[in-house]
Amino acid sequence: MSVDYNENESKFMRKAKENPFVPVGMAGFFAIVGYRLLKLKNRGDTKMSVHLIHMRVAAQGFVVGAMTLGVLYSMYKEYIVKPREEQKALQHK
């Protein structure tokens, strides 16, 4: 099984070009987790489990939001931009 893509371009970079919200979601996830881990020292009297649950919910919420924006962007390209380009191509013929 050989993968057919440009050797100079990694699979991640190719996927990032196809769906630009994937790297945004990943960066946001890691940023939120990193921030909440730094705040772990100053959590006060909050239980560790509650702090970790809040961190997980915030990180997952960001990823779900990025995925939603990615789907909306893909739908916009597929159902609005593409038909306009096809209609313009037919008009110029």
PDB file of N, CA and C in Angstrom:
ATOM      1  N   MET A   1       0.833  -1.180   0.000  1.00  0.00           N
ATOM      2  CA  MET A   1       0.000   0.000   0.000  1.00  0.00           C
ATOM      3  C   MET A   1       0.878   1.243   0.000  1.00  0.00           C
ATOM      4  N   SER A   2       0.895   1.930  -1.089  1.00  0.00           N
ATOM      5  CA  SER A   2       1.691   3.147  -1.144  1.00  0.00           C
ATOM      6  C   SER A   2       0.762   4.360  -1.078  1.00  0.00           C
ATOM      7  N   VAL A   3       1.217   5.352  -0.371  1.00  0.00           N
ATOM      8  CA  VAL A   3       0.464   6.589  -0.245  1.00  0.00           C
ATOM      9  C   VAL A   3       0.939   7.514  -1.347  1.00  0.00           C
ATOM     10  N   ASP A   4       0.004   8.051  -2.128  1.00  0.00           N
ATOM     11  CA  ASP A   4       0.367   8.861  -3.281  1.00  0.00           C
ATOM     12  C   ASP A   4       0.193  10.346  -2.944  1.00  0.00           C
ATOM     13  N   TYR A   5       1.225  10.952  -2.426  1.00  0.00           N
ATOM     14  CA  TYR A   5       1.242  12.392  -2.226  1.00  0.00           C
ATOM     15  C   TYR A   5       2.673  12.883  -2.342  1.00  0.00           C
ATOM     16  N   ASN A   6       2.807  14.164  -2.514  1.00  0.00           N
ATOM     17  CA  ASN A   6       4.105  14.766  -2.728  1.00  0.00           C
ATOM     18  C   ASN A   6       5.036  14.448  -1.553  1.00  0.00           C
ATOM     19  N   GLU A   7       6.239  14.008  -1.847  1.00  0.00           N
ATOM     20  CA  GLU A   7       7.172  13.623  -0.790  1.00  0.00           C
ATOM     21  C   GLU A   7       7.587  14.806   0.070  1.00  0.00           C
ATOM     22  N   ASN A   8       7.605  16.000  -0.490  1.00  0.00           N
ATOM     23  CA  ASN A   8       8.025  17.182   0.257  1.00  0.00           C
ATOM     24  C   ASN A   8       6.934  17.700   1.177  1.00  0.00           C
ATOM     25  N   GLU A   9       5.752  17.219   1.004  1.00  0.00           N
ATOM     26  CA  GLU A   9       4.615  17.718   1.775  1.00  0.00           C
ATOM     27  C   GLU A   9       4.112  16.607   2.699  1.00  0.00           C
ATOM     28  N   SER A  10       4.053  16.910   3.974  1.00  0.00           N
ATOM     29  CA  SER A  10       3.605  15.890   4.916  1.00  0.00           C
ATOM     30  C   SER A  10       2.090  15.718   4.822  1.00  0.00           C
ATOM     31  N   LYS A  11       1.629  14.611   5.338  1.00  0.00           N
ATOM     32  CA  LYS A  11       0.194  14.324   5.321  1.00  0.00           C
ATOM     33  C   LYS A  11      -0.571  15.358   6.150  1.00  0.00           C
ATOM     34  N   PHE A  12       0.023  15.768   7.287  1.00  0.00           N
ATOM     35  CA  PHE A  12      -0.626  16.769   8.132  1.00  0.00           C
ATOM     36  C   PHE A  12      -0.788  18.093   7.388  1.00  0.00           C
ATOM     37  N   MET A  13       0.241  18.521   6.670  1.00  0.00           N
ATOM     38  CA  MET A  13       0.164  19.803   5.947  1.00  0.00           C
ATOM     39  C   MET A  13      -0.870  19.721   4.825  1.00  0.00           C
ATOM     40  N   ARG A  14      -0.958  18.578   4.183  1.00  0.00           N
ATOM     41  CA  ARG A  14      -1.957  18.410   3.121  1.00  0.00           C
ATOM     42  C   ARG A  14      -3.363  18.492   3.700  1.00  0.00           C
ATOM     43  N   LYS A  15      -3.580  17.820   4.830  1.00  0.00           N
ATOM     44  CA  LYS A  15      -4.893  17.858   5.482  1.00  0.00           C
ATOM     45  C   LYS A  15      -5.198  19.263   6.000  1.00  0.00           C
ATOM     46  N   ALA A  16      -4.193  19.970   6.474  1.00  0.00           N
ATOM     47  CA  ALA A  16      -4.393  21.336   6.975  1.00  0.00           C
ATOM     48  C   ALA A  16      -4.815  22.263   5.847  1.00  0.00           C
ATOM     49  N   LYS A  17      -4.313  22.038   4.644  1.00  0.00           N
ATOM     50  CA  LYS A  17      -4.725  22.861   3.504  1.00  0.00           C
ATOM     51  C   LYS A  17      -6.168  22.550   3.106  1.00  0.00           C
ATOM     52  N   GLU A  18      -6.553  21.286   3.215  1.00  0.00           N
ATOM     53  CA  GLU A  18      -7.915  20.897   2.865  1.00  0.00           C
ATOM     54  C   GLU A  18      -8.921  21.424   3.880  1.00  0.00           C
ATOM     55  N   ASN A  19      -8.562  21.384   5.152  1.00  0.00           N
ATOM     56  CA  ASN A  19      -9.451  21.843   6.217  1.00  0.00           C
ATOM     57  C   ASN A  19      -8.638  22.688   7.197  1.00  0.00           C
ATOM     58  N   PRO A  20      -8.624  24.015   7.027  1.00  0.00           N
ATOM     59  CA  PRO A  20      -7.741  24.867   7.833  1.00  0.00           C
ATOM     60  C   PRO A  20      -8.128  24.963   9.306  1.00  0.00           C
ATOM     61  N   PHE A  21      -9.282  24.472   9.693  1.00  0.00           N
ATOM     62  CA  PHE A  21      -9.690  24.581  11.086  1.00  0.00           C
ATOM     63  C   PHE A  21      -9.155  23.444  11.952  1.00  0.00           C
ATOM     64  N   VAL A  22      -8.557  22.416  11.334  1.00  0.00           N
ATOM     65  CA  VAL A  22      -7.952  21.335  12.110  1.00  0.00           C
ATOM     66  C   VAL A  22      -6.768  21.850  12.928  1.00  0.00           C
ATOM     67  N   PRO A  23      -5.800  22.567  12.317  1.00  0.00           N
ATOM     68  CA  PRO A  23      -4.703  23.088  13.132  1.00  0.00           C
ATOM     69  C   PRO A  23      -5.164  24.123  14.154  1.00  0.00           C
ATOM     70  N   VAL A  24      -6.202  24.876  13.825  1.00  0.00           N
ATOM     71  CA  VAL A  24      -6.739  25.853  14.781  1.00  0.00           C
ATOM     72  C   VAL A  24      -7.303  25.128  15.995  1.00  0.00           C
ATOM     73  N   GLY A  25      -8.049  24.064  15.768  1.00  0.00           N
ATOM     74  CA  GLY A  25      -8.608  23.282  16.868  1.00  0.00           C
ATOM     75  C   GLY A  25      -7.536  22.636  17.722  1.00  0.00           C
ATOM     76  N   MET A  26      -6.502  22.108  17.069  1.00  0.00           N
ATOM     77  CA  MET A  26      -5.418  21.486  17.819  1.00  0.00           C
ATOM     78  C   MET A  26      -4.650  22.513  18.636  1.00  0.00           C
ATOM     79  N   ALA A  27      -4.363  23.670  18.036  1.00  0.00           N
ATOM     80  CA  ALA A  27      -3.633  24.713  18.760  1.00  0.00           C
ATOM     81  C   ALA A  27      -4.449  25.219  19.948  1.00  0.00           C
ATOM     82  N   GLY A  28      -5.738  25.411  19.745  1.00  0.00           N
ATOM     83  CA  GLY A  28      -6.591  25.858  20.841  1.00  0.00           C
ATOM     84  C   GLY A  28      -6.667  24.837  21.953  1.00  0.00           C
ATOM     85  N   PHE A  29      -6.755  23.573  21.590  1.00  0.00           N
ATOM     86  CA  PHE A  29      -6.793  22.495  22.584  1.00  0.00           C
ATOM     87  C   PHE A  29      -5.538  22.527  23.449  1.00  0.00           C
ATOM     88  N   PHE A  30      -4.377  22.571  22.799  1.00  0.00           N
ATOM     89  CA  PHE A  30      -3.126  22.560  23.552  1.00  0.00           C
ATOM     90  C   PHE A  30      -2.939  23.846  24.351  1.00  0.00           C
ATOM     91  N   ALA A  31      -3.397  24.967  23.823  1.00  0.00           N
ATOM     92  CA  ALA A  31      -3.289  26.226  24.565  1.00  0.00           C
ATOM     93  C   ALA A  31      -4.141  26.190  25.832  1.00  0.00           C
ATOM     94  N   ILE A  32      -5.359  25.700  25.719  1.00  0.00           N
ATOM     95  CA  ILE A  32      -6.246  25.631  26.886  1.00  0.00           C
ATOM     96  C   ILE A  32      -5.696  24.658  27.929  1.00  0.00           C
ATOM     97  N   VAL A  33      -5.243  23.493  27.476  1.00  0.00           N
ATOM     98  CA  VAL A  33      -4.687  22.513  28.410  1.00  0.00           C
ATOM     99  C   VAL A  33      -3.442  23.078  29.092  1.00  0.00           C
ATOM    100  N   GLY A  34      -2.568  23.727  28.326  1.00  0.00           N
ATOM    101  CA  GLY A  34      -1.369  24.324  28.914  1.00  0.00           C
ATOM    102  C   GLY A  34      -1.696  25.411  29.921  1.00  0.00           C
ATOM    103  N   TYR A  35      -2.646  26.265  29.585  1.00  0.00           N
ATOM    104  CA  TYR A  35      -3.041  27.336  30.496  1.00  0.00           C
ATOM    105  C   TYR A  35      -3.632  26.784  31.789  1.00  0.00           C
ATOM    106  N   ARG A  36      -4.512  25.796  31.642  1.00  0.00           N
ATOM    107  CA  ARG A  36      -5.137  25.226  32.844  1.00  0.00           C
ATOM    108  C   ARG A  36      -4.139  24.443  33.695  1.00  0.00           C
ATOM    109  N   LEU A  37      -3.139  23.850  33.063  1.00  0.00           N
ATOM    110  CA  LEU A  37      -2.108  23.176  33.853  1.00  0.00           C
ATOM    111  C   LEU A  37      -1.263  24.183  34.626  1.00  0.00           C
ATOM    112  N   LEU A  38      -1.020  25.355  34.028  1.00  0.00           N
ATOM    113  CA  LEU A  38      -0.308  26.404  34.754  1.00  0.00           C
ATOM    114  C   LEU A  38      -1.140  26.934  35.914  1.00  0.00           C
ATOM    115  N   LYS A  39      -2.446  27.003  35.724  1.00  0.00           N
ATOM    116  CA  LYS A  39      -3.340  27.486  36.776  1.00  0.00           C
ATOM    117  C   LYS A  39      -3.573  26.436  37.863  1.00  0.00           C
ATOM    118  N   LEU A  40      -3.056  25.251  37.662  1.00  0.00           N
ATOM    119  CA  LEU A  40      -3.264  24.166  38.621  1.00  0.00           C
ATOM    120  C   LEU A  40      -2.705  24.517  40.003  1.00  0.00           C
ATOM    121  N   LYS A  41      -1.589  25.248  40.031  1.00  0.00           N
ATOM    122  CA  LYS A  41      -0.987  25.634  41.312  1.00  0.00           C
ATOM    123  C   LYS A  41      -1.901  26.558  42.113  1.00  0.00           C
ATOM    124  N   ASN A  42      -2.606  27.435  41.412  1.00  0.00           N
ATOM    125  CA  ASN A  42      -3.412  28.468  42.070  1.00  0.00           C
ATOM    126  C   ASN A  42      -4.896  28.131  42.063  1.00  0.00           C
ATOM    127  N   ARG A  43      -5.232  26.873  42.134  1.00  0.00           N
ATOM    128  CA  ARG A  43      -6.642  26.502  42.042  1.00  0.00           C
ATOM    129  C   ARG A  43      -7.383  26.721  43.346  1.00  0.00           C
ATOM    130  N   GLY A  44      -6.675  27.044  44.413  1.00  0.00           N
ATOM    131  CA  GLY A  44      -7.327  27.292  45.694  1.00  0.00           C
ATOM    132  C   GLY A  44      -7.831  26.015  46.319  1.00  0.00           C
ATOM    133  N   ASP A  45      -9.056  26.066  46.828  1.00  0.00           N
ATOM    134  CA  ASP A  45      -9.599  24.884  47.496  1.00  0.00           C
ATOM    135  C   ASP A  45     -10.444  24.021  46.555  1.00  0.00           C
ATOM    136  N   THR A  46     -10.331  24.263  45.249  1.00  0.00           N
ATOM    137  CA  THR A  46     -11.059  23.453  44.269  1.00  0.00           C
ATOM    138  C   THR A  46     -10.429  22.056  44.197  1.00  0.00           C
ATOM    139  N   LYS A  47     -11.269  21.048  44.174  1.00  0.00           N
ATOM    140  CA  LYS A  47     -10.766  19.677  44.074  1.00  0.00           C
ATOM    141  C   LYS A  47     -10.053  19.479  42.741  1.00  0.00           C
ATOM    142  N   MET A  48      -9.095  18.593  42.740  1.00  0.00           N
ATOM    143  CA  MET A  48      -8.339  18.282  41.525  1.00  0.00           C
ATOM    144  C   MET A  48      -9.257  17.749  40.434  1.00  0.00           C
ATOM    145  N   SER A  49     -10.183  16.882  40.796  1.00  0.00           N
ATOM    146  CA  SER A  49     -11.070  16.286  39.791  1.00  0.00           C
ATOM    147  C   SER A  49     -11.947  17.346  39.133  1.00  0.00           C
ATOM    148  N   VAL A  50     -12.424  18.304  39.904  1.00  0.00           N
ATOM    149  CA  VAL A  50     -13.258  19.378  39.344  1.00  0.00           C
ATOM    150  C   VAL A  50     -12.433  20.249  38.407  1.00  0.00           C
ATOM    151  N   HIS A  51     -11.200  20.541  38.806  1.00  0.00           N
ATOM    152  CA  HIS A  51     -10.323  21.350  37.957  1.00  0.00           C
ATOM    153  C   HIS A  51     -10.052  20.638  36.628  1.00  0.00           C
ATOM    154  N   LEU A  52      -9.778  19.343  36.687  1.00  0.00           N
ATOM    155  CA  LEU A  52      -9.505  18.583  35.469  1.00  0.00           C
ATOM    156  C   LEU A  52     -10.744  18.468  34.581  1.00  0.00           C
ATOM    157  N   ILE A  53     -11.906  18.331  35.194  1.00  0.00           N
ATOM    158  CA  ILE A  53     -13.147  18.279  34.411  1.00  0.00           C
ATOM    159  C   ILE A  53     -13.373  19.604  33.693  1.00  0.00           C
ATOM    160  N   HIS A  54     -13.146  20.712  34.375  1.00  0.00           N
ATOM    161  CA  HIS A  54     -13.305  22.023  33.735  1.00  0.00           C
ATOM    162  C   HIS A  54     -12.317  22.198  32.583  1.00  0.00           C
ATOM    163  N   MET A  55     -11.090  21.716  32.782  1.00  0.00           N
ATOM    164  CA  MET A  55     -10.090  21.805  31.725  1.00  0.00           C
ATOM    165  C   MET A  55     -10.529  20.985  30.519  1.00  0.00           C
ATOM    166  N   ARG A  56     -11.012  19.776  30.764  1.00  0.00           N
ATOM    167  CA  ARG A  56     -11.444  18.905  29.664  1.00  0.00           C
ATOM    168  C   ARG A  56     -12.620  19.501  28.910  1.00  0.00           C
ATOM    169  N   VAL A  57     -13.584  20.037  29.645  1.00  0.00           N
ATOM    170  CA  VAL A  57     -14.765  20.618  29.005  1.00  0.00           C
ATOM    171  C   VAL A  57     -14.384  21.834  28.157  1.00  0.00           C
ATOM    172  N   ALA A  58     -13.504  22.683  28.684  1.00  0.00           N
ATOM    173  CA  ALA A  58     -13.077  23.858  27.922  1.00  0.00           C
ATOM    174  C   ALA A  58     -12.330  23.446  26.655  1.00  0.00           C
ATOM    175  N   ALA A  59     -11.420  22.486  26.772  1.00  0.00           N
ATOM    176  CA  ALA A  59     -10.642  22.047  25.611  1.00  0.00           C
ATOM    177  C   ALA A  59     -11.541  21.374  24.574  1.00  0.00           C
ATOM    178  N   GLN A  60     -12.448  20.517  25.024  1.00  0.00           N
ATOM    179  CA  GLN A  60     -13.357  19.859  24.084  1.00  0.00           C
ATOM    180  C   GLN A  60     -14.311  20.855  23.449  1.00  0.00           C
ATOM    181  N   GLY A  61     -14.746  21.832  24.214  1.00  0.00           N
ATOM    182  CA  GLY A  61     -15.625  22.862  23.659  1.00  0.00           C
ATOM    183  C   GLY A  61     -14.947  23.640  22.550  1.00  0.00           C
ATOM    184  N   PHE A  62     -13.677  23.965  22.744  1.00  0.00           N
ATOM    185  CA  PHE A  62     -12.944  24.675  21.703  1.00  0.00           C
ATOM    186  C   PHE A  62     -12.809  23.824  20.452  1.00  0.00           C
ATOM    187  N   VAL A  63     -12.491  22.547  20.620  1.00  0.00           N
ATOM    188  CA  VAL A  63     -12.325  21.655  19.470  1.00  0.00           C
ATOM    189  C   VAL A  63     -13.655  21.485  18.726  1.00  0.00           C
ATOM    190  N   VAL A  64     -14.735  21.312  19.460  1.00  0.00           N
ATOM    191  CA  VAL A  64     -16.052  21.168  18.814  1.00  0.00           C
ATOM    192  C   VAL A  64     -16.410  22.452  18.065  1.00  0.00           C
ATOM    193  N   GLY A  65     -16.108  23.602  18.649  1.00  0.00           N
ATOM    194  CA  GLY A  65     -16.349  24.871  17.962  1.00  0.00           C
ATOM    195  C   GLY A  65     -15.538  24.994  16.684  1.00  0.00           C
ATOM    196  N   ALA A  66     -14.275  24.597  16.735  1.00  0.00           N
ATOM    197  CA  ALA A  66     -13.434  24.639  15.538  1.00  0.00           C
ATOM    198  C   ALA A  66     -13.944  23.670  14.479  1.00  0.00           C
ATOM    199  N   MET A  67     -14.395  22.485  14.910  1.00  0.00           N
ATOM    200  CA  MET A  67     -14.950  21.528  13.946  1.00  0.00           C
ATOM    201  C   MET A  67     -16.221  22.068  13.303  1.00  0.00           C
ATOM    202  N   THR A  68     -17.064  22.717  14.093  1.00  0.00           N
ATOM    203  CA  THR A  68     -18.296  23.304  13.566  1.00  0.00           C
ATOM    204  C   THR A  68     -17.977  24.376  12.536  1.00  0.00           C
ATOM    205  N   LEU A  69     -17.024  25.245  12.854  1.00  0.00           N
ATOM    206  CA  LEU A  69     -16.621  26.274  11.890  1.00  0.00           C
ATOM    207  C   LEU A  69     -16.040  25.647  10.629  1.00  0.00           C
ATOM    208  N   GLY A  70     -15.290  24.571  10.785  1.00  0.00           N
ATOM    209  CA  GLY A  70     -14.736  23.885   9.623  1.00  0.00           C
ATOM    210  C   GLY A  70     -15.814  23.299   8.725  1.00  0.00           C
ATOM    211  N   VAL A  71     -16.834  22.719   9.322  1.00  0.00           N
ATOM    212  CA  VAL A  71     -17.936  22.159   8.537  1.00  0.00           C
ATOM    213  C   VAL A  71     -18.701  23.279   7.828  1.00  0.00           C
ATOM    214  N   LEU A  72     -18.943  24.372   8.531  1.00  0.00           N
ATOM    215  CA  LEU A  72     -19.640  25.501   7.912  1.00  0.00           C
ATOM    216  C   LEU A  72     -18.825  26.080   6.761  1.00  0.00           C
ATOM    217  N   TYR A  73     -17.519  26.173   6.930  1.00  0.00           N
ATOM    218  CA  TYR A  73     -16.642  26.674   5.881  1.00  0.00           C
ATOM    219  C   TYR A  73     -16.660  25.741   4.664  1.00  0.00           C
ATOM    220  N   SER A  74     -16.617  24.442   4.917  1.00  0.00           N
ATOM    221  CA  SER A  74     -16.668  23.477   3.819  1.00  0.00           C
ATOM    222  C   SER A  74     -17.997  23.546   3.078  1.00  0.00           C
ATOM    223  N   MET A  75     -19.082  23.687   3.828  1.00  0.00           N
ATOM    224  CA  MET A  75     -20.396  23.803   3.194  1.00  0.00           C
ATOM    225  C   MET A  75     -20.489  25.086   2.372  1.00  0.00           C
ATOM    226  N   TYR A  76     -19.938  26.163   2.881  1.00  0.00           N
ATOM    227  CA  TYR A  76     -19.928  27.433   2.142  1.00  0.00           C
ATOM    228  C   TYR A  76     -19.181  27.282   0.822  1.00  0.00           C
ATOM    229  N   LYS A  77     -17.995  26.650   0.882  1.00  0.00           N
ATOM    230  CA  LYS A  77     -17.226  26.454  -0.345  1.00  0.00           C
ATOM    231  C   LYS A  77     -17.964  25.551  -1.323  1.00  0.00           C
ATOM    232  N   GLU A  78     -18.578  24.483  -0.805  1.00  0.00           N
ATOM    233  CA  GLU A  78     -19.208  23.488  -1.680  1.00  0.00           C
ATOM    234  C   GLU A  78     -20.524  23.976  -2.279  1.00  0.00           C
ATOM    235  N   TYR A  79     -21.351  24.655  -1.485  1.00  0.00           N
ATOM    236  CA  TYR A  79     -22.699  24.977  -1.931  1.00  0.00           C
ATOM    237  C   TYR A  79     -22.906  26.429  -2.334  1.00  0.00           C
ATOM    238  N   ILE A  80     -21.964  27.307  -2.064  1.00  0.00           N
ATOM    239  CA  ILE A  80     -22.135  28.712  -2.449  1.00  0.00           C
ATOM    240  C   ILE A  80     -21.062  29.143  -3.447  1.00  0.00           C
ATOM    241  N   VAL A  81     -19.802  28.923  -3.122  1.00  0.00           N
ATOM    242  CA  VAL A  81     -18.714  29.385  -3.984  1.00  0.00           C
ATOM    243  C   VAL A  81     -18.632  28.550  -5.255  1.00  0.00           C
ATOM    244  N   LYS A  82     -18.675  27.240  -5.133  1.00  0.00           N
ATOM    245  CA  LYS A  82     -18.534  26.359  -6.293  1.00  0.00           C
ATOM    246  C   LYS A  82     -19.649  26.576  -7.324  1.00  0.00           C
ATOM    247  N   PRO A  83     -20.938  26.658  -6.922  1.00  0.00           N
ATOM    248  CA  PRO A  83     -21.975  26.924  -7.927  1.00  0.00           C
ATOM    249  C   PRO A  83     -21.817  28.287  -8.614  1.00  0.00           C
ATOM    250  N   ARG A  84     -21.356  29.288  -7.870  1.00  0.00           N
ATOM    251  CA  ARG A  84     -21.120  30.599  -8.489  1.00  0.00           C
ATOM    252  C   ARG A  84     -20.047  30.514  -9.557  1.00  0.00           C
ATOM    253  N   GLU A  85     -18.951  29.804  -9.246  1.00  0.00           N
ATOM    254  CA  GLU A  85     -17.872  29.658 -10.220  1.00  0.00           C
ATOM    255  C   GLU A  85     -18.347  28.879 -11.443  1.00  0.00           C
ATOM    256  N   GLU A  86     -19.145  27.845 -11.233  1.00  0.00           N
ATOM    257  CA  GLU A  86     -19.666  27.068 -12.356  1.00  0.00           C
ATOM    258  C   GLU A  86     -20.604  27.925 -13.207  1.00  0.00           C
ATOM    259  N   GLN A  87     -21.417  28.756 -12.552  1.00  0.00           N
ATOM    260  CA  GLN A  87     -22.345  29.610 -13.292  1.00  0.00           C
ATOM    261  C   GLN A  87     -21.574  30.657 -14.091  1.00  0.00           C
ATOM    262  N   LYS A  88     -20.514  31.230 -13.533  1.00  0.00           N
ATOM    263  CA  LYS A  88     -19.713  32.200 -14.250  1.00  0.00           C
ATOM    264  C   LYS A  88     -19.013  31.550 -15.437  1.00  0.00           C
ATOM    265  N   ALA A  89     -18.564  30.308 -15.271  1.00  0.00           N
ATOM    266  CA  ALA A  89     -17.895  29.605 -16.366  1.00  0.00           C
ATOM    267  C   ALA A  89     -18.877  29.346 -17.496  1.00  0.00           C
ATOM    268  N   LEU A  90     -20.132  29.041 -17.178  1.00  0.00           N
ATOM    269  CA  LEU A  90     -21.125  28.823 -18.225  1.00  0.00           C
ATOM    270  C   LEU A  90     -21.480  30.125 -18.940  1.00  0.00           C
ATOM    271  N   GLN A  91     -21.486  31.228 -18.229  1.00  0.00           N
ATOM    272  CA  GLN A  91     -21.824  32.519 -18.828  1.00  0.00           C
ATOM    273  C   GLN A  91     -20.725  32.989 -19.775  1.00  0.00           C
ATOM    274  N   HIS A  92     -19.487  32.650 -19.492  1.00  0.00           N
ATOM    275  CA  HIS A  92     -18.362  33.108 -20.329  1.00  0.00           C
ATOM    276  C   HIS A  92     -18.189  32.262 -21.570  1.00  0.00           C
ATOM    277  N   LYS A  93     -18.867  31.129 -21.658  1.00  0.00           N
ATOM    278  CA  LYS A  93     -18.749  30.267 -22.852  1.00  0.00           C
ATOM    279  C   LYS A  93     -19.565  30.763 -23.974  1.00  0.00           C
TER     280      LYS A  93
END
